[in-house]
Protein backbone atom coordinates (compact mmCIF):
# COMPACT_ATOMS: atom_id res chain seq x y z
CA MET A 1 80.31 81.91 122.51
CA ILE A 2 81.60 80.69 125.86
CA SER A 3 79.79 82.21 128.84
CA LYS A 4 80.74 82.95 132.43
CA GLU A 5 78.58 80.00 133.51
CA ASP A 6 80.45 77.70 131.10
CA VAL A 7 83.77 78.71 132.64
CA ILE A 8 82.44 78.29 136.17
CA ALA A 9 81.25 74.78 135.24
CA ASN A 10 84.68 73.96 133.74
CA ALA A 11 86.83 76.05 136.09
CA ASN A 12 89.49 73.33 136.48
CA ASP A 13 89.66 72.32 132.81
CA LYS A 14 92.82 73.96 131.50
CA GLU A 15 92.06 73.39 127.80
CA PHE A 16 88.53 74.71 128.17
CA VAL A 17 89.70 77.80 130.06
CA LEU A 18 92.42 78.47 127.46
CA LYS A 19 89.76 78.31 124.74
CA ALA A 20 87.51 80.64 126.74
CA ILE A 21 90.20 83.27 127.30
CA GLU A 22 91.15 83.12 123.64
CA GLU A 23 87.62 84.30 122.96
CA THR A 24 87.15 86.57 126.02
CA PRO A 25 90.25 87.07 128.20
CA THR A 26 88.27 88.47 131.14
CA LEU A 27 86.63 85.07 131.64
CA ILE A 28 89.84 84.09 133.47
CA GLU A 29 88.18 85.64 136.52
CA PHE A 30 85.92 82.57 136.75
CA ALA A 31 88.65 79.95 136.37
CA SER A 32 89.78 77.96 139.39
CA ASP A 33 92.36 79.32 141.81
CA GLU A 34 94.69 76.64 140.50
CA LEU A 35 94.45 77.91 136.90
CA ARG A 36 94.74 81.55 137.99
CA ASN A 37 97.98 80.43 139.64
CA ASN A 38 99.15 78.75 136.42
CA LYS A 39 101.73 80.99 134.71
CA GLU A 40 101.05 79.65 131.20
CA VAL A 41 97.30 80.20 131.49
CA MET A 42 97.61 83.67 133.01
CA LEU A 43 100.18 84.79 130.44
CA GLU A 44 97.79 83.74 127.66
CA ALA A 45 95.02 85.83 129.20
CA ILE A 46 97.32 88.80 129.91
CA LYS A 47 98.70 88.82 126.36
CA ARG A 48 95.14 89.34 125.16
CA ASN A 49 94.16 91.84 127.86
CA GLY A 50 96.68 93.17 130.38
CA GLU A 51 93.90 94.23 132.73
CA VAL A 52 93.29 90.60 133.75
CA LEU A 53 96.41 90.75 135.93
CA GLU A 54 93.85 91.64 138.59
CA PHE A 55 92.66 88.01 138.59
CA ALA A 56 96.10 86.41 138.84
CA SER A 57 97.13 84.66 142.02
CA ASP A 58 99.25 86.57 144.53
CA ARG A 59 102.20 84.38 143.52
CA LEU A 60 101.89 85.50 139.88
CA LYS A 61 101.38 89.13 140.88
CA GLY A 62 104.90 88.77 142.25
CA ASP A 63 106.27 87.18 139.07
CA LYS A 64 108.26 89.76 137.14
CA GLU A 65 107.62 88.23 133.69
CA VAL A 66 103.85 88.10 134.27
CA VAL A 67 103.63 91.63 135.65
CA LEU A 68 105.94 93.10 133.01
CA THR A 69 103.85 91.51 130.25
CA ALA A 70 100.71 93.09 131.70
CA VAL A 71 102.29 96.49 132.38
CA LYS A 72 103.64 96.74 128.82
CA GLU A 73 100.07 96.20 127.65
CA VAL A 74 98.25 98.40 130.18
CA GLY A 75 100.53 100.50 132.38
CA TRP A 76 98.19 101.20 135.27
CA VAL A 77 97.81 97.50 136.14
CA VAL A 78 101.03 97.89 138.10
CA CYS A 79 98.64 98.65 140.96
CA TYR A 80 97.97 94.87 141.14
CA ALA A 81 101.66 93.97 141.31
CA SER A 82 103.26 92.76 144.52
CA GLU A 83 104.92 95.37 146.70
CA LYS A 84 108.36 94.03 145.76
CA LEU A 85 107.63 94.66 142.08
CA LYS A 86 106.33 98.17 142.70
CA VAL A 87 109.92 99.05 143.59
CA ASP A 88 111.32 97.37 140.45
CA LYS A 89 112.63 100.11 138.17
CA GLU A 90 112.15 98.16 134.94
CA ILE A 91 108.47 97.52 135.67
CA ILE A 92 107.68 101.06 136.79
CA LEU A 93 109.65 102.58 133.90
CA GLU A 94 107.83 100.45 131.31
CA GLY A 95 104.51 101.39 132.85
CA CYS A 96 105.37 105.10 132.93
CA LYS A 97 106.25 105.05 129.23
CA ILE A 98 102.71 104.12 128.26
CA ASP A 99 100.79 105.60 131.19
CA GLY A 100 102.33 108.39 133.23
CA GLN A 101 99.82 107.68 136.00
CA VAL A 102 101.99 104.70 136.97
CA LEU A 103 104.25 107.14 138.85
CA TYR A 104 101.51 107.28 141.48
CA PHE A 105 102.19 103.61 142.32
CA ALA A 106 105.98 103.97 142.33
CA SER A 107 108.09 103.76 145.46
CA LYS A 108 109.56 106.87 147.05
CA GLU A 109 112.95 105.95 145.56
CA LEU A 110 111.58 105.66 142.03
CA ARG A 111 109.75 108.98 142.36
CA ASP A 112 113.26 110.38 142.81
CA ASP A 113 114.67 108.57 139.74
CA LYS A 114 115.03 111.07 136.91
CA GLU A 115 114.64 108.49 134.13
CA VAL A 116 111.39 107.17 135.61
CA VAL A 117 109.90 110.60 136.32
CA LEU A 118 110.88 111.89 132.89
CA ALA A 119 109.12 108.95 131.22
CA ALA A 120 106.02 109.63 133.32
CA VAL A 121 105.81 113.38 132.70
CA ASN A 122 106.52 112.97 128.98
CA ASN A 123 103.35 110.87 128.94
CA LYS A 124 101.26 112.83 131.45
CA GLY A 125 102.65 116.19 132.53
CA ILE A 126 100.49 116.75 135.59
CA ILE A 127 101.76 113.53 137.14
CA VAL A 128 104.82 115.61 138.08
CA LYS A 129 102.95 116.20 141.34
CA TYR A 130 104.17 112.74 142.45
CA ALA A 131 107.82 113.45 141.71
CA SER A 132 110.25 113.89 144.58
CA GLU A 133 110.89 117.40 145.92
CA ARG A 134 114.32 117.27 144.31
CA LEU A 135 112.96 116.44 140.85
CA LEU A 136 110.16 119.03 141.12
CA ARG A 137 113.01 121.55 140.89
CA ASP A 138 114.86 119.85 138.01
CA ASN A 139 114.73 121.89 134.78
CA ASP A 140 114.49 118.85 132.48
CA ILE A 141 111.56 117.46 134.46
CA ILE A 142 109.83 120.85 134.65
CA LYS A 143 110.23 121.48 130.92
CA ALA A 144 108.98 118.02 129.95
CA ALA A 145 105.97 118.28 132.26
CA ILE A 146 104.96 121.76 131.10
CA THR A 147 105.56 120.91 127.45
CA GLN A 148 103.23 117.93 127.82
CA ASN A 149 100.61 119.87 129.79
CA LYS A 150 100.88 123.51 130.89
CA LYS A 151 98.63 122.72 133.87
CA ALA A 152 101.60 120.85 135.34
CA ALA A 153 102.99 124.27 136.31
CA MET A 154 100.66 124.37 139.32
CA PHE A 155 102.74 121.59 140.92
CA ILE A 156 106.09 123.25 140.24
CA PRO A 157 107.54 125.38 143.06
CA LEU A 158 106.93 129.08 142.47
CA GLU A 159 110.62 130.00 142.45
CA CYS A 160 111.18 127.43 139.67
CA ARG A 161 108.37 128.93 137.60
CA GLU A 162 110.20 132.26 137.84
CA ARG A 163 113.19 130.92 135.88
CA GLU A 164 113.38 132.67 132.51
CA GLU A 165 113.30 129.51 130.38
CA ILE A 166 110.31 128.16 132.33
CA LYS A 167 108.47 131.49 132.08
CA ALA A 168 109.07 131.44 128.32
CA LEU A 169 107.59 127.93 128.07
CA LEU A 170 104.54 128.97 130.04
CA GLU A 171 103.98 132.01 127.85
CA THR A 172 103.95 130.07 124.57
CA GLU A 173 100.69 128.81 123.13
């Protein structure tokens, strides 16, 4: 088994690092800056464990293919993406589909995008609290959030909870 010390000692050896991450993807943390800036090497690590996006170079955290690969694996890693990719609808939408919490990292504009918010609340109802004011009043969003988790109702404006169809949803077991 390849250890952290082995990777540190061979931090610039691409073949060695590739072998190490095949065994334990998180060992990429101990590779050289040069290899953590190498798209091929980072994609290999990310395909095995999306969480290692954290160790990618800033350049690769701004690479849509790299970030999208990681986000499709582990949604919340969008927090490591560059600011320009946090406003990319495709990336945020993919993340929201597997982890509604991703909405927290979304731009103001994407928190007002019905498709994105719907994907998020279908996965995690209480994340509706990060939706735009406009979408907090949208029946489709409200229904999806409450259906996923009745506790989401606490984030819905009171007058919206008074709507008959929403009341009915809240009263069902």
